Amino acid sequence: MNKARRKQEEKPVTPPAPTAEEKLLTEIRDLLSQQQPKL
């Protein structure tokens, strides 16, 4: 049981790479925020 826990702790936690859709949505969000005048 302890061996299984050690293996889980050793694995570095890396977030999955963003999908093409996520990249597009991020780009759109950034562009929209640039266009809006800041109050």
Protein backbone atom coordinates (compact mmCIF):
# COMPACT_ATOMS: atom_id res chain seq x y z
CA MET A 1 0.00 0.00 0.00
CA ASN A 2 2.78 2.44 0.86
CA LYS A 3 4.57 1.63 -2.41
CA ALA A 4 1.48 2.62 -4.38
CA ARG A 5 1.28 5.94 -2.55
CA ARG A 6 4.95 6.67 -3.11
CA LYS A 7 4.54 6.11 -6.84
CA GLN A 8 1.65 8.56 -6.95
CA GLU A 9 3.62 11.20 -5.05
CA GLU A 10 6.66 10.83 -7.31
CA LYS A 11 4.73 11.61 -10.49
CA PRO A 12 5.06 15.28 -11.38
CA VAL A 13 1.66 16.89 -11.78
CA THR A 14 1.58 18.48 -15.21
CA PRO A 15 -1.61 19.96 -16.60
CA PRO A 16 -2.64 18.58 -19.99
CA ALA A 17 -1.69 20.67 -22.99
CA PRO A 18 -4.48 23.01 -24.09
CA THR A 19 -6.56 21.76 -26.98
CA ALA A 20 -6.91 23.71 -30.22
CA GLU A 21 -10.31 24.91 -29.03
CA GLU A 22 -8.89 26.16 -25.74
CA LYS A 23 -6.12 28.01 -27.59
CA LEU A 24 -8.67 29.70 -29.84
CA LEU A 25 -10.89 30.68 -26.94
CA THR A 26 -7.92 32.12 -25.06
CA GLU A 27 -6.89 34.11 -28.12
CA ILE A 28 -10.43 35.46 -28.60
CA ARG A 29 -10.67 36.41 -24.92
CA ASP A 30 -7.36 38.26 -25.06
CA LEU A 31 -8.33 40.14 -28.22
CA LEU A 32 -11.69 41.15 -26.77
CA SER A 33 -10.10 42.40 -23.57
CA GLN A 34 -7.65 44.50 -25.61
CA GLN A 35 -10.48 46.12 -27.60
CA GLN A 36 -12.57 47.13 -24.59
CA PRO A 37 -11.73 50.56 -23.19
CA LYS A 38 -10.58 50.35 -19.61
CA LEU A 39 -12.75 52.28 -17.18
